[in-house]
Protein backbone atom coordinates (compact mmCIF):
# COMPACT_ATOMS: atom_id res chain seq x y z
CA MET A 1 35.46 -10.75 -27.26
CA ALA A 2 38.51 -9.13 -28.79
CA GLU A 3 38.05 -9.12 -32.53
CA THR A 4 40.98 -9.22 -34.94
CA SER A 5 41.03 -9.57 -38.71
CA GLY A 6 40.91 -13.23 -39.72
CA ASP A 7 38.94 -14.36 -36.67
CA VAL A 8 36.75 -17.36 -37.42
CA VAL A 9 33.61 -17.87 -35.35
CA MET A 10 31.40 -20.96 -35.55
CA VAL A 11 27.77 -20.16 -34.72
CA SER A 12 25.63 -23.12 -33.67
CA THR A 13 22.22 -22.95 -35.40
CA PRO A 14 19.21 -25.22 -35.96
CA ILE A 15 20.62 -26.18 -39.39
CA GLY A 16 24.14 -26.88 -38.12
CA GLY A 17 27.31 -24.89 -37.58
CA ILE A 18 27.69 -21.70 -39.63
CA GLU A 19 31.16 -20.24 -40.12
CA ALA A 20 31.75 -16.48 -39.98
CA ARG A 21 35.11 -14.86 -40.72
CA ARG A 22 35.98 -11.31 -39.69
CA MET A 23 37.19 -9.41 -42.73
CA GLY A 24 38.26 -6.18 -41.01
CA ARG A 25 36.57 -2.90 -40.17
CA ALA A 26 34.29 -0.82 -42.36
CA GLU A 27 34.90 2.92 -42.75
CA ALA A 28 32.18 3.74 -40.20
CA GLY A 29 33.82 1.54 -37.57
CA PRO A 30 31.85 -1.73 -37.23
CA SER A 31 33.49 -5.04 -38.01
CA ARG A 32 32.72 -6.68 -41.35
CA TRP A 33 31.93 -10.42 -41.26
CA GLN A 34 31.69 -12.87 -44.15
CA VAL A 35 29.13 -15.54 -43.25
CA ALA A 36 29.09 -18.84 -45.19
CA TYR A 37 25.59 -20.36 -45.20
CA PRO A 38 24.77 -23.65 -46.98
CA TRP A 39 22.93 -21.59 -49.63
CA GLY A 40 25.50 -18.81 -50.13
CA VAL A 41 27.68 -16.13 -48.59
CA GLU A 42 26.57 -12.92 -46.91
CA THR A 43 28.34 -9.88 -45.46
CA VAL A 44 27.23 -8.68 -42.02
CA PHE A 45 28.40 -5.51 -40.25
CA GLY A 46 28.65 -5.19 -36.46
CA THR A 47 30.15 -6.85 -33.41
CA SER A 48 30.50 -10.61 -33.03
CA ALA A 49 27.31 -10.60 -30.94
CA ASP A 50 25.43 -8.68 -33.68
CA MET A 51 26.69 -11.14 -36.28
CA ALA A 52 25.74 -14.20 -34.17
CA SER A 53 22.18 -12.95 -33.60
CA HIS A 54 21.81 -12.17 -37.32
CA VAL A 55 23.03 -15.66 -38.27
CA GLN A 56 20.64 -17.26 -35.76
CA ARG A 57 17.71 -15.26 -37.18
CA ARG A 58 18.56 -16.07 -40.84
CA SER A 59 19.12 -19.78 -40.18
CA THR A 60 15.87 -20.07 -38.22
CA GLN A 61 13.98 -18.47 -41.14
CA ALA A 62 15.57 -20.94 -43.58
CA GLU A 63 15.42 -24.00 -41.31
CA GLY A 64 12.33 -25.58 -42.86
CA LYS A 65 13.47 -25.07 -46.44
CA VAL A 66 17.09 -26.22 -45.99
CA SER A 67 16.30 -29.29 -43.88
CA ALA A 68 13.46 -30.40 -46.21
CA GLU A 69 15.72 -30.13 -49.28
CA ALA A 70 18.54 -32.02 -47.57
CA ARG A 71 16.32 -35.05 -46.87
CA GLN A 72 15.07 -35.43 -50.44
CA VAL A 73 16.42 -38.18 -52.69
CA PRO A 74 17.94 -36.72 -55.89
CA ARG A 75 15.65 -36.93 -58.93
CA GLY A 76 16.01 -40.07 -61.01
CA MET A 77 17.30 -42.16 -58.10
CA ALA A 78 15.21 -44.89 -56.51
CA ARG A 79 17.17 -44.72 -53.24
CA PRO A 80 20.18 -42.85 -51.81
CA ARG A 81 23.55 -43.86 -53.28
CA ASP A 82 24.92 -45.16 -49.97
CA SER A 83 22.12 -47.74 -49.57
């Protein structure tokens, strides 16, 4: 894949789509990617394939924690607001 600054790549993961944006090249030569996870933002260096495998690995590690938190009813509420 030809990579240019500003490229946006959606990586399909077990916790949903994760967006990564190419921010340019580092001094050493690899591309720099800003990855927006549900829990925060991370910078990853490498090719788009390197970035995609890193995102897959990180989201798989966090899958149980993120999906369990998403299903919980907020404290102090008897039922979800949309019910």
